[in-house]
Amino acid sequence: MIQTKPPFFGDAEPAWSIAELYPPQGEWTEEEYLALETNRLVEYSHGKVEVLEMPTQGHQLLVVFLFELLKAHVKSAALGTVLLAPLPIQLWPGKYREPDVFFIRREHDDRRFDRHWLGADLVMEVISPGDRKRDEVDKRREYAQAAIPEYWLIDPEHRTVTVLTLDGRRYAEHGVFGEGDHAPSLLLPGFTVDVTALFAEAQA
């Protein structure tokens, strides 16, 4: 049986013409991507855009916990700037990601722009259960290629925090920390995350 339109539209005709307002996949420029106004997370790779799935409440609670903890540490010593998605980070020309939480040192303020940053010094990602490869493989490779010194992977399924530090062109594991542990940063001495408290937050 051939279905001509998705069933959730009922008898209404979708506004397909809206798609004509945007460039075809593969033909987006960086300028068009950065000018895109949306409340969704959208990443960009060499002419193509990808709309990411909406985060869950549990995901957002973890992100806010990490953001507030990191921001308080950074602000106490005026170390730089901490933000959370959505805001694109340019990894290299033609490649943008939107990390969940990200930090840049004060001495790198010239890499901060209103609509995007040029790289970062630390990024954190909460792993999405439906697409672990994106965070564990793809972004791990890309953030290392972009020379981001430290990458944190927060795994709600296994309730662990993995801290990765740049070793040449690849990341090395500083450690995998579970409940009962405090995950430490090498980039920011004195900054640690209580893993038990972190995942308790997601149950709030």
N, C-alpha and C. Protein backbone atom coordinates (compact mmCIF):
# COMPACT_ATOMS: atom_id res chain seq x y z
N MET A 1 0.84 -1.21 0.00
CA MET A 1 0.00 0.00 0.00
C MET A 1 0.87 1.25 0.00
N ILE A 2 0.61 2.18 -0.89
CA ILE A 2 1.39 3.41 -0.97
C ILE A 2 0.73 4.49 -0.13
N GLN A 3 1.51 5.05 0.77
CA GLN A 3 1.00 6.13 1.62
C GLN A 3 1.55 7.45 1.10
N THR A 4 0.69 8.36 0.77
CA THR A 4 1.14 9.60 0.12
C THR A 4 1.53 10.69 1.10
N LYS A 5 1.07 10.60 2.34
CA LYS A 5 1.45 11.60 3.32
C LYS A 5 1.41 11.00 4.71
N PRO A 6 2.21 11.53 5.64
CA PRO A 6 2.24 10.98 6.99
C PRO A 6 0.85 11.02 7.62
N PRO A 7 0.49 9.98 8.38
CA PRO A 7 -0.86 9.90 8.94
C PRO A 7 -1.18 10.96 9.98
N PHE A 8 -0.13 11.52 10.65
CA PHE A 8 -0.42 12.46 11.72
C PHE A 8 -0.93 13.81 11.22
N PHE A 9 -0.95 14.03 9.92
CA PHE A 9 -1.50 15.28 9.39
C PHE A 9 -3.00 15.19 9.16
N GLY A 10 -3.59 13.98 9.25
CA GLY A 10 -5.02 13.84 8.98
C GLY A 10 -5.33 14.26 7.57
N ASP A 11 -6.39 15.07 7.43
CA ASP A 11 -6.79 15.56 6.10
C ASP A 11 -6.09 16.86 5.72
N ALA A 12 -5.34 17.43 6.64
CA ALA A 12 -4.68 18.70 6.36
C ALA A 12 -3.45 18.47 5.47
N GLU A 13 -3.18 19.42 4.64
CA GLU A 13 -2.01 19.34 3.77
C GLU A 13 -0.84 20.07 4.43
N PRO A 14 0.28 19.39 4.65
CA PRO A 14 1.43 20.06 5.28
C PRO A 14 1.91 21.24 4.43
N ALA A 15 2.55 22.19 5.09
CA ALA A 15 3.05 23.37 4.38
C ALA A 15 4.42 23.04 3.77
N TRP A 16 4.37 22.16 2.76
CA TRP A 16 5.63 21.73 2.15
C TRP A 16 6.40 22.91 1.54
N SER A 17 5.70 23.96 1.14
CA SER A 17 6.36 25.09 0.48
C SER A 17 7.35 25.80 1.41
N ILE A 18 7.19 25.61 2.73
CA ILE A 18 8.13 26.23 3.66
C ILE A 18 9.54 25.74 3.39
N ALA A 19 9.66 24.46 3.03
CA ALA A 19 10.99 23.90 2.76
C ALA A 19 11.70 24.63 1.62
N GLU A 20 10.90 25.22 0.73
CA GLU A 20 11.49 25.92 -0.40
C GLU A 20 12.19 27.23 0.02
N LEU A 21 11.94 27.66 1.26
CA LEU A 21 12.58 28.87 1.76
C LEU A 21 14.03 28.62 2.16
N TYR A 22 14.40 27.35 2.26
CA TYR A 22 15.74 26.99 2.73
C TYR A 22 16.53 26.31 1.62
N PRO A 23 17.86 26.37 1.71
CA PRO A 23 18.69 25.71 0.69
C PRO A 23 18.53 24.20 0.74
N PRO A 24 18.75 23.51 -0.38
CA PRO A 24 18.75 22.05 -0.37
C PRO A 24 19.91 21.51 0.46
N GLN A 25 19.76 20.29 0.98
CA GLN A 25 20.85 19.67 1.71
C GLN A 25 22.08 19.58 0.82
N GLY A 26 23.21 19.92 1.41
CA GLY A 26 24.45 19.92 0.66
C GLY A 26 24.82 21.28 0.10
N GLU A 27 23.86 22.23 0.14
CA GLU A 27 24.11 23.55 -0.45
C GLU A 27 24.02 24.69 0.58
N TRP A 28 23.87 24.34 1.84
CA TRP A 28 23.85 25.38 2.87
C TRP A 28 25.24 26.00 3.00
N THR A 29 25.29 27.32 3.12
CA THR A 29 26.55 27.99 3.45
C THR A 29 26.62 28.17 4.96
N GLU A 30 27.81 28.46 5.46
CA GLU A 30 27.96 28.72 6.89
C GLU A 30 27.14 29.94 7.29
N GLU A 31 27.11 30.94 6.44
CA GLU A 31 26.37 32.16 6.74
C GLU A 31 24.87 31.86 6.87
N GLU A 32 24.34 31.03 5.98
CA GLU A 32 22.92 30.67 6.05
C GLU A 32 22.63 29.85 7.29
N TYR A 33 23.53 28.97 7.64
CA TYR A 33 23.36 28.17 8.85
C TYR A 33 23.35 29.05 10.09
N LEU A 34 24.30 29.96 10.20
CA LEU A 34 24.40 30.81 11.39
C LEU A 34 23.24 31.80 11.48
N ALA A 35 22.62 32.10 10.36
CA ALA A 35 21.47 33.02 10.36
C ALA A 35 20.15 32.30 10.62
N LEU A 36 20.18 30.97 10.70
CA LEU A 36 18.96 30.20 10.92
C LEU A 36 18.40 30.47 12.30
N GLU A 37 17.15 30.86 12.38
CA GLU A 37 16.50 31.13 13.66
C GLU A 37 15.54 30.00 13.99
N THR A 38 15.83 29.29 15.08
CA THR A 38 15.02 28.15 15.48
C THR A 38 15.21 27.89 16.96
N ASN A 39 14.24 27.22 17.57
CA ASN A 39 14.40 26.82 18.97
C ASN A 39 14.87 25.37 19.07
N ARG A 40 15.33 24.81 17.97
CA ARG A 40 15.86 23.44 17.95
C ARG A 40 17.38 23.47 17.87
N LEU A 41 18.01 22.39 18.31
CA LEU A 41 19.44 22.24 18.14
C LEU A 41 19.72 21.79 16.72
N VAL A 42 20.57 22.54 16.03
CA VAL A 42 20.88 22.23 14.64
C VAL A 42 22.40 22.26 14.47
N GLU A 43 22.95 21.20 13.92
CA GLU A 43 24.39 21.15 13.66
C GLU A 43 24.64 21.21 12.15
N TYR A 44 25.88 21.53 11.79
CA TYR A 44 26.21 21.80 10.39
C TYR A 44 27.48 21.07 10.00
N SER A 45 27.44 20.43 8.83
CA SER A 45 28.61 19.71 8.35
C SER A 45 28.71 19.85 6.84
N HIS A 46 29.60 20.73 6.41
CA HIS A 46 29.97 20.84 5.00
C HIS A 46 28.75 20.89 4.06
N GLY A 47 27.90 21.88 4.31
CA GLY A 47 26.76 22.13 3.43
C GLY A 47 25.47 21.47 3.85
N LYS A 48 25.52 20.62 4.87
CA LYS A 48 24.31 19.92 5.32
C LYS A 48 23.99 20.30 6.76
N VAL A 49 22.69 20.38 7.07
CA VAL A 49 22.27 20.64 8.43
C VAL A 49 21.57 19.41 8.99
N GLU A 50 21.67 19.24 10.30
CA GLU A 50 21.01 18.13 10.97
C GLU A 50 20.28 18.66 12.18
N VAL A 51 18.97 18.44 12.22
CA VAL A 51 18.15 18.85 13.36
C VAL A 51 18.19 17.73 14.39
N LEU A 52 18.65 18.05 15.60
CA LEU A 52 18.80 17.04 16.64
C LEU A 52 17.49 16.82 17.38
N GLU A 53 17.39 15.65 18.01
CA GLU A 53 16.18 15.33 18.76
C GLU A 53 16.05 16.25 19.98
N MET A 54 14.83 16.49 20.39
CA MET A 54 14.60 17.34 21.55
C MET A 54 15.08 16.61 22.80
N PRO A 55 15.78 17.30 23.71
CA PRO A 55 16.27 16.65 24.92
C PRO A 55 15.14 16.33 25.89
N THR A 56 15.37 15.33 26.73
CA THR A 56 14.40 14.95 27.75
C THR A 56 14.61 15.80 29.01
N GLN A 57 13.66 15.68 29.93
CA GLN A 57 13.80 16.38 31.21
C GLN A 57 15.04 15.91 31.94
N GLY A 58 15.27 14.59 31.98
CA GLY A 58 16.44 14.06 32.67
C GLY A 58 17.73 14.59 32.08
N HIS A 59 17.80 14.64 30.77
CA HIS A 59 18.97 15.18 30.07
C HIS A 59 19.21 16.63 30.48
N GLN A 60 18.17 17.43 30.48
CA GLN A 60 18.30 18.84 30.79
C GLN A 60 18.69 19.08 32.25
N LEU A 61 18.18 18.25 33.15
CA LEU A 61 18.55 18.40 34.55
C LEU A 61 20.04 18.14 34.76
N LEU A 62 20.58 17.16 34.04
CA LEU A 62 22.02 16.90 34.11
C LEU A 62 22.81 18.07 33.54
N VAL A 63 22.36 18.59 32.40
CA VAL A 63 23.05 19.69 31.74
C VAL A 63 23.08 20.93 32.65
N VAL A 64 21.95 21.26 33.23
CA VAL A 64 21.88 22.46 34.09
C VAL A 64 22.75 22.28 35.33
N PHE A 65 22.75 21.09 35.91
CA PHE A 65 23.59 20.82 37.09
C PHE A 65 25.06 21.06 36.75
N LEU A 66 25.51 20.50 35.63
CA LEU A 66 26.91 20.66 35.22
C LEU A 66 27.24 22.11 34.89
N PHE A 67 26.33 22.76 34.18
CA PHE A 67 26.53 24.17 33.81
C PHE A 67 26.69 25.04 35.04
N GLU A 68 25.79 24.89 36.02
CA GLU A 68 25.83 25.74 37.20
C GLU A 68 27.08 25.47 38.03
N LEU A 69 27.48 24.21 38.13
CA LEU A 69 28.67 23.86 38.89
C LEU A 69 29.93 24.41 38.22
N LEU A 70 30.03 24.21 36.91
CA LEU A 70 31.20 24.70 36.18
C LEU A 70 31.24 26.23 36.16
N LYS A 71 30.10 26.85 35.96
CA LYS A 71 30.05 28.31 35.93
C LYS A 71 30.50 28.91 37.26
N ALA A 72 30.05 28.31 38.36
CA ALA A 72 30.43 28.83 39.68
C ALA A 72 31.93 28.74 39.88
N HIS A 73 32.54 27.62 39.46
CA HIS A 73 33.98 27.46 39.61
C HIS A 73 34.74 28.46 38.75
N VAL A 74 34.32 28.59 37.51
CA VAL A 74 35.01 29.50 36.58
C VAL A 74 34.85 30.95 37.02
N LYS A 75 33.66 31.31 37.44
CA LYS A 75 33.40 32.69 37.84
C LYS A 75 34.18 33.08 39.09
N SER A 76 34.37 32.14 40.00
CA SER A 76 35.04 32.45 41.26
C SER A 76 36.47 32.94 41.05
N ALA A 77 37.09 32.52 39.96
CA ALA A 77 38.47 32.94 39.68
C ALA A 77 38.59 33.69 38.36
N ALA A 78 37.45 34.11 37.79
CA ALA A 78 37.44 34.85 36.52
C ALA A 78 38.28 34.14 35.46
N LEU A 79 37.99 32.84 35.29
CA LEU A 79 38.80 32.02 34.38
C LEU A 79 38.37 32.13 32.92
N GLY A 80 37.10 32.52 32.69
CA GLY A 80 36.62 32.58 31.31
C GLY A 80 35.11 32.59 31.27
N THR A 81 34.55 31.92 30.27
CA THR A 81 33.10 31.94 30.04
C THR A 81 32.58 30.52 29.88
N VAL A 82 31.44 30.25 30.51
CA VAL A 82 30.76 28.96 30.41
C VAL A 82 29.37 29.19 29.84
N LEU A 83 28.98 28.40 28.84
CA LEU A 83 27.63 28.48 28.28
C LEU A 83 27.10 27.07 28.08
N LEU A 84 25.84 27.00 27.69
CA LEU A 84 25.21 25.73 27.37
C LEU A 84 24.41 25.87 26.08
N ALA A 85 24.15 24.75 25.44
CA ALA A 85 23.42 24.76 24.17
C ALA A 85 22.06 25.42 24.35
N PRO A 86 21.56 26.04 23.28
CA PRO A 86 22.10 26.08 21.91
C PRO A 86 23.01 27.27 21.65
N LEU A 87 24.19 26.99 21.14
CA LEU A 87 25.09 27.96 20.55
C LEU A 87 26.13 27.17 19.77
N PRO A 88 26.27 27.42 18.47
CA PRO A 88 27.19 26.61 17.67
C PRO A 88 28.65 26.88 18.02
N ILE A 89 29.43 25.81 17.98
CA ILE A 89 30.88 25.87 18.12
C ILE A 89 31.48 25.44 16.79
N GLN A 90 32.27 26.31 16.18
CA GLN A 90 32.94 25.93 14.93
C GLN A 90 34.19 25.12 15.27
N LEU A 91 34.20 23.87 14.80
CA LEU A 91 35.36 23.02 15.03
C LEU A 91 36.45 23.30 14.00
N TRP A 92 36.04 23.51 12.76
CA TRP A 92 36.91 23.95 11.67
C TRP A 92 35.98 24.49 10.58
N PRO A 93 36.50 25.18 9.58
CA PRO A 93 35.61 25.71 8.54
C PRO A 93 34.75 24.62 7.92
N GLY A 94 33.43 24.84 7.97
CA GLY A 94 32.50 23.87 7.42
C GLY A 94 31.97 22.86 8.42
N LYS A 95 32.39 22.94 9.70
CA LYS A 95 31.94 21.97 10.70
C LYS A 95 31.57 22.67 12.00
N TYR A 96 30.30 22.51 12.41
CA TYR A 96 29.81 23.10 13.65
C TYR A 96 29.09 22.04 14.48
N ARG A 97 29.35 22.05 15.78
CA ARG A 97 28.63 21.21 16.73
C ARG A 97 28.01 22.09 17.80
N GLU A 98 27.07 21.51 18.56
CA GLU A 98 26.42 22.23 19.65
C GLU A 98 26.57 21.41 20.93
N PRO A 99 27.71 21.54 21.63
CA PRO A 99 27.90 20.78 22.87
C PRO A 99 26.87 21.18 23.92
N ASP A 100 26.61 20.26 24.86
CA ASP A 100 25.65 20.55 25.92
C ASP A 100 26.16 21.67 26.83
N VAL A 101 27.42 21.57 27.26
CA VAL A 101 28.05 22.59 28.12
C VAL A 101 29.45 22.83 27.57
N PHE A 102 29.89 24.09 27.59
CA PHE A 102 31.22 24.36 27.03
C PHE A 102 31.84 25.58 27.71
N PHE A 103 33.18 25.57 27.75
CA PHE A 103 33.96 26.60 28.45
C PHE A 103 35.09 27.07 27.55
N ILE A 104 35.39 28.37 27.63
CA ILE A 104 36.54 28.92 26.93
C ILE A 104 37.29 29.84 27.89
N ARG A 105 38.62 29.76 27.87
CA ARG A 105 39.44 30.56 28.76
C ARG A 105 39.33 32.06 28.44
N ARG A 106 39.57 32.85 29.46
CA ARG A 106 39.50 34.31 29.30
C ARG A 106 40.47 34.80 28.23
N GLU A 107 41.65 34.18 28.16
CA GLU A 107 42.64 34.61 27.18
C GLU A 107 42.24 34.27 25.75
N HIS A 108 41.17 33.50 25.59
CA HIS A 108 40.67 33.16 24.26
C HIS A 108 39.36 33.88 23.94
N ASP A 109 39.12 34.97 24.62
CA ASP A 109 37.88 35.73 24.39
C ASP A 109 37.71 36.19 22.95
N ASP A 110 38.82 36.33 22.24
CA ASP A 110 38.71 36.78 20.85
C ASP A 110 38.11 35.71 19.95
N ARG A 111 37.87 34.51 20.48
CA ARG A 111 37.23 33.44 19.71
C ARG A 111 35.74 33.34 19.99
N ARG A 112 35.22 34.27 20.81
CA ARG A 112 33.79 34.29 21.12
C ARG A 112 33.09 35.33 20.25
N PHE A 113 32.03 34.89 19.57
CA PHE A 113 31.19 35.80 18.78
C PHE A 113 29.74 35.61 19.21
N ASP A 114 28.89 36.54 18.83
CA ASP A 114 27.52 36.52 19.33
C ASP A 114 26.74 35.29 18.87
N ARG A 115 26.98 34.84 17.64
CA ARG A 115 26.21 33.71 17.10
C ARG A 115 26.97 32.38 17.14
N HIS A 116 28.27 32.42 17.44
CA HIS A 116 29.03 31.17 17.51
C HIS A 116 30.38 31.43 18.17
N TRP A 117 31.03 30.34 18.57
CA TRP A 117 32.40 30.40 19.07
C TRP A 117 33.31 29.67 18.10
N LEU A 118 34.59 30.05 18.11
CA LEU A 118 35.60 29.32 17.37
C LEU A 118 36.28 28.36 18.35
N GLY A 119 35.76 27.15 18.41
CA GLY A 119 36.30 26.16 19.32
C GLY A 119 35.94 26.41 20.76
N ALA A 120 36.60 25.67 21.65
CA ALA A 120 36.37 25.77 23.09
C ALA A 120 37.56 25.12 23.78
N ASP A 121 37.64 25.29 25.10
CA ASP A 121 38.71 24.65 25.86
C ASP A 121 38.24 23.42 26.62
N LEU A 122 36.96 23.34 26.88
CA LEU A 122 36.36 22.16 27.53
C LEU A 122 34.93 22.03 27.04
N VAL A 123 34.53 20.81 26.70
CA VAL A 123 33.15 20.55 26.31
C VAL A 123 32.62 19.35 27.09
N MET A 124 31.32 19.37 27.35
CA MET A 124 30.64 18.27 28.04
C MET A 124 29.45 17.85 27.20
N GLU A 125 29.27 16.54 27.08
CA GLU A 125 28.12 16.00 26.37
C GLU A 125 27.43 14.95 27.25
N VAL A 126 26.10 15.06 27.36
CA VAL A 126 25.29 14.03 27.99
C VAL A 126 24.87 13.06 26.89
N ILE A 127 25.25 11.81 27.02
CA ILE A 127 25.01 10.82 25.97
C ILE A 127 23.52 10.57 25.80
N SER A 128 23.06 10.63 24.56
CA SER A 128 21.68 10.30 24.24
C SER A 128 21.58 8.79 24.02
N PRO A 129 20.68 8.11 24.71
CA PRO A 129 20.61 6.65 24.61
C PRO A 129 20.34 6.14 23.20
N GLY A 130 19.65 6.94 22.40
CA GLY A 130 19.30 6.49 21.06
C GLY A 130 20.41 6.67 20.04
N ASP A 131 21.50 7.38 20.42
CA ASP A 131 22.56 7.65 19.46
C ASP A 131 23.88 7.82 20.19
N ARG A 132 24.34 6.75 20.84
CA ARG A 132 25.57 6.80 21.62
C ARG A 132 26.79 7.07 20.73
N LYS A 133 26.76 6.56 19.51
CA LYS A 133 27.92 6.69 18.62
C LYS A 133 28.26 8.15 18.36
N ARG A 134 27.26 8.99 18.28
CA ARG A 134 27.51 10.41 18.00
C ARG A 134 28.46 11.00 19.04
N ASP A 135 28.19 10.73 20.32
CA ASP A 135 29.00 11.32 21.39
C ASP A 135 30.27 10.53 21.66
N GLU A 136 30.17 9.20 21.66
CA GLU A 136 31.31 8.36 22.07
C GLU A 136 32.36 8.19 20.97
N VAL A 137 31.94 8.28 19.71
CA VAL A 137 32.86 8.03 18.61
C VAL A 137 33.05 9.29 17.76
N ASP A 138 31.94 9.77 17.17
CA ASP A 138 32.05 10.88 16.21
C ASP A 138 32.57 12.16 16.88
N LYS A 139 31.92 12.57 17.95
CA LYS A 139 32.34 13.81 18.59
C LYS A 139 33.68 13.67 19.29
N ARG A 140 33.96 12.50 19.81
CA ARG A 140 35.28 12.28 20.41
C ARG A 140 36.38 12.52 19.37
N ARG A 141 36.19 12.00 18.18
CA ARG A 141 37.17 12.18 17.11
C ARG A 141 37.22 13.65 16.67
N GLU A 142 36.06 14.26 16.51
CA GLU A 142 36.01 15.63 16.00
C GLU A 142 36.54 16.65 17.01
N TYR A 143 36.18 16.50 18.28
CA TYR A 143 36.67 17.45 19.28
C TYR A 143 38.19 17.34 19.43
N ALA A 144 38.72 16.14 19.30
CA ALA A 144 40.17 15.97 19.34
C ALA A 144 40.81 16.62 18.12
N GLN A 145 40.19 16.42 16.95
CA GLN A 145 40.71 17.03 15.72
C GLN A 145 40.71 18.55 15.83
N ALA A 146 39.72 19.09 16.55
CA ALA A 146 39.63 20.55 16.75
C ALA A 146 40.52 21.04 17.88
N ALA A 147 41.28 20.11 18.49
CA ALA A 147 42.24 20.45 19.55
C ALA A 147 41.58 21.06 20.78
N ILE A 148 40.41 20.55 21.14
CA ILE A 148 39.76 20.96 22.39
C ILE A 148 40.41 20.17 23.52
N PRO A 149 41.03 20.83 24.48
CA PRO A 149 41.88 20.14 25.45
C PRO A 149 41.19 19.09 26.32
N GLU A 150 39.90 19.29 26.64
CA GLU A 150 39.26 18.34 27.55
C GLU A 150 37.80 18.09 27.13
N TYR A 151 37.40 16.83 27.21
CA TYR A 151 36.06 16.40 26.80
C TYR A 151 35.49 15.49 27.87
N TRP A 152 34.30 15.86 28.37
CA TRP A 152 33.61 15.06 29.37
C TRP A 152 32.41 14.37 28.73
N LEU A 153 32.28 13.07 29.00
CA LEU A 153 31.14 12.28 28.54
C LEU A 153 30.33 11.84 29.75
N ILE A 154 29.08 12.26 29.80
CA ILE A 154 28.20 11.90 30.91
C ILE A 154 27.24 10.84 30.42
N ASP A 155 27.25 9.69 31.06
CA ASP A 155 26.48 8.52 30.60
C ASP A 155 25.36 8.21 31.59
N PRO A 156 24.13 8.66 31.31
CA PRO A 156 23.02 8.40 32.23
C PRO A 156 22.66 6.92 32.34
N GLU A 157 22.89 6.16 31.28
CA GLU A 157 22.53 4.74 31.30
C GLU A 157 23.41 3.95 32.27
N HIS A 158 24.71 4.21 32.23
CA HIS A 158 25.65 3.49 33.11
C HIS A 158 26.04 4.31 34.33
N ARG A 159 25.53 5.53 34.41
CA ARG A 159 25.74 6.42 35.55
C ARG A 159 27.24 6.62 35.81
N THR A 160 27.93 7.01 34.73
CA THR A 160 29.36 7.27 34.81
C THR A 160 29.70 8.61 34.16
N VAL A 161 30.86 9.13 34.53
CA VAL A 161 31.42 10.32 33.90
C VAL A 161 32.82 9.97 33.43
N THR A 162 33.06 10.14 32.13
CA THR A 162 34.38 9.88 31.57
C THR A 162 35.05 11.21 31.25
N VAL A 163 36.25 11.39 31.77
CA VAL A 163 37.01 12.60 31.52
C VAL A 163 38.14 12.26 30.55
N LEU A 164 38.14 12.93 29.40
CA LEU A 164 39.13 12.70 28.36
C LEU A 164 40.01 13.93 28.21
N THR A 165 41.31 13.74 28.08
CA THR A 165 42.24 14.85 27.89
C THR A 165 43.03 14.63 26.61
N LEU A 166 43.34 15.71 25.95
CA LEU A 166 44.01 15.64 24.66
C LEU A 166 45.45 15.16 24.80
N ASP A 167 45.79 14.16 24.03
CA ASP A 167 47.15 13.61 23.99
C ASP A 167 47.56 13.56 22.53
N GLY A 168 48.24 14.61 22.08
CA GLY A 168 48.54 14.71 20.66
C GLY A 168 47.28 15.03 19.88
N ARG A 169 46.91 14.15 18.97
CA ARG A 169 45.71 14.36 18.16
C ARG A 169 44.54 13.48 18.60
N ARG A 170 44.70 12.79 19.73
CA ARG A 170 43.65 11.91 20.24
C ARG A 170 43.42 12.17 21.72
N TYR A 171 42.26 11.69 22.19
CA TYR A 171 41.98 11.80 23.61
C TYR A 171 42.47 10.55 24.34
N ALA A 172 43.00 10.78 25.54
CA ALA A 172 43.33 9.70 26.45
C ALA A 172 42.38 9.79 27.64
N GLU A 173 42.04 8.64 28.20
CA GLU A 173 41.14 8.63 29.35
C GLU A 173 41.89 9.05 30.61
N HIS A 174 41.45 10.14 31.18
CA HIS A 174 41.94 10.51 32.51
C HIS A 174 41.29 9.62 33.55
N GLY A 175 40.06 9.18 33.26
CA GLY A 175 39.39 8.27 34.17
C GLY A 175 37.92 8.14 33.85
N VAL A 176 37.34 7.00 34.29
CA VAL A 176 35.90 6.76 34.22
C VAL A 176 35.42 6.69 35.66
N PHE A 177 34.50 7.58 36.02
CA PHE A 177 34.12 7.75 37.41
C PHE A 177 32.65 7.40 37.60
N GLY A 178 32.39 6.59 38.63
CA GLY A 178 31.03 6.16 38.92
C GLY A 178 30.53 6.77 40.21
N GLU A 179 29.35 6.32 40.62
CA GLU A 179 28.75 6.85 41.85
C GLU A 179 29.65 6.55 43.04
N GLY A 180 29.81 7.52 43.90
CA GLY A 180 30.75 7.43 44.99
C GLY A 180 32.07 8.11 44.69
N ASP A 181 32.30 8.43 43.40
CA ASP A 181 33.53 9.10 42.98
C ASP A 181 33.29 10.59 42.77
N HIS A 182 34.40 11.31 42.72
CA HIS A 182 34.40 12.70 42.28
C HIS A 182 35.22 12.77 40.99
N ALA A 183 34.60 13.17 39.89
CA ALA A 183 35.29 13.28 38.61
C ALA A 183 36.06 14.60 38.58
N PRO A 184 37.39 14.57 38.38
CA PRO A 184 38.19 15.79 38.39
C PRO A 184 38.57 16.26 36.99
N SER A 185 38.78 17.55 36.87
CA SER A 185 39.29 18.13 35.63
C SER A 185 40.79 18.33 35.75
N LEU A 186 41.51 18.01 34.69
CA LEU A 186 42.94 18.35 34.62
C LEU A 186 43.12 19.78 34.13
N LEU A 187 42.23 20.23 33.25
CA LEU A 187 42.32 21.58 32.70
C LEU A 187 42.07 22.63 33.77
N LEU A 188 41.13 22.36 34.66
CA LEU A 188 40.73 23.31 35.69
C LEU A 188 40.99 22.71 37.07
N PRO A 189 42.18 22.86 37.60
CA PRO A 189 42.50 22.29 38.91
C PRO A 189 41.50 22.75 39.98
N GLY A 190 41.04 21.79 40.76
CA GLY A 190 40.08 22.11 41.82
C GLY A 190 38.63 21.89 41.41
N PHE A 191 38.38 21.76 40.11
CA PHE A 191 37.00 21.52 39.66
C PHE A 191 36.73 20.02 39.64
N THR A 192 35.74 19.60 40.42
CA THR A 192 35.33 18.20 40.46
C THR A 192 33.81 18.11 40.43
N VAL A 193 33.31 16.96 40.01
CA VAL A 193 31.87 16.71 39.99
C VAL A 193 31.58 15.47 40.84
N ASP A 194 30.72 15.62 41.81
CA ASP A 194 30.24 14.51 42.63
C ASP A 194 29.29 13.69 41.77
N VAL A 195 29.72 12.51 41.35
CA VAL A 195 28.93 11.73 40.39
C VAL A 195 27.61 11.29 40.99
N THR A 196 27.60 10.95 42.26
CA THR A 196 26.35 10.55 42.91
C THR A 196 25.35 11.70 42.91
N ALA A 197 25.82 12.88 43.27
CA ALA A 197 24.93 14.06 43.30
C ALA A 197 24.44 14.41 41.91
N LEU A 198 25.32 14.24 40.92
CA LEU A 198 24.94 14.54 39.53
C LEU A 198 23.75 13.70 39.09
N PHE A 199 23.84 12.40 39.26
CA PHE A 199 22.76 11.55 38.76
C PHE A 199 21.52 11.57 39.65
N ALA A 200 21.70 11.94 40.92
CA ALA A 200 20.54 12.16 41.78
C ALA A 200 19.73 13.33 41.26
N GLU A 201 20.41 14.32 40.69
CA GLU A 201 19.74 15.50 40.15
C GLU A 201 18.78 15.13 39.03
N ALA A 202 19.15 14.14 38.23
CA ALA A 202 18.31 13.74 37.09
C ALA A 202 17.02 13.08 37.54
N GLN A 203 16.95 12.68 38.81
CA GLN A 203 15.73 12.06 39.32
C GLN A 203 14.81 13.06 39.98
N ALA A 204 15.24 14.33 40.02
CA ALA A 204 14.46 15.36 40.71
C ALA A 204 13.11 15.58 40.05
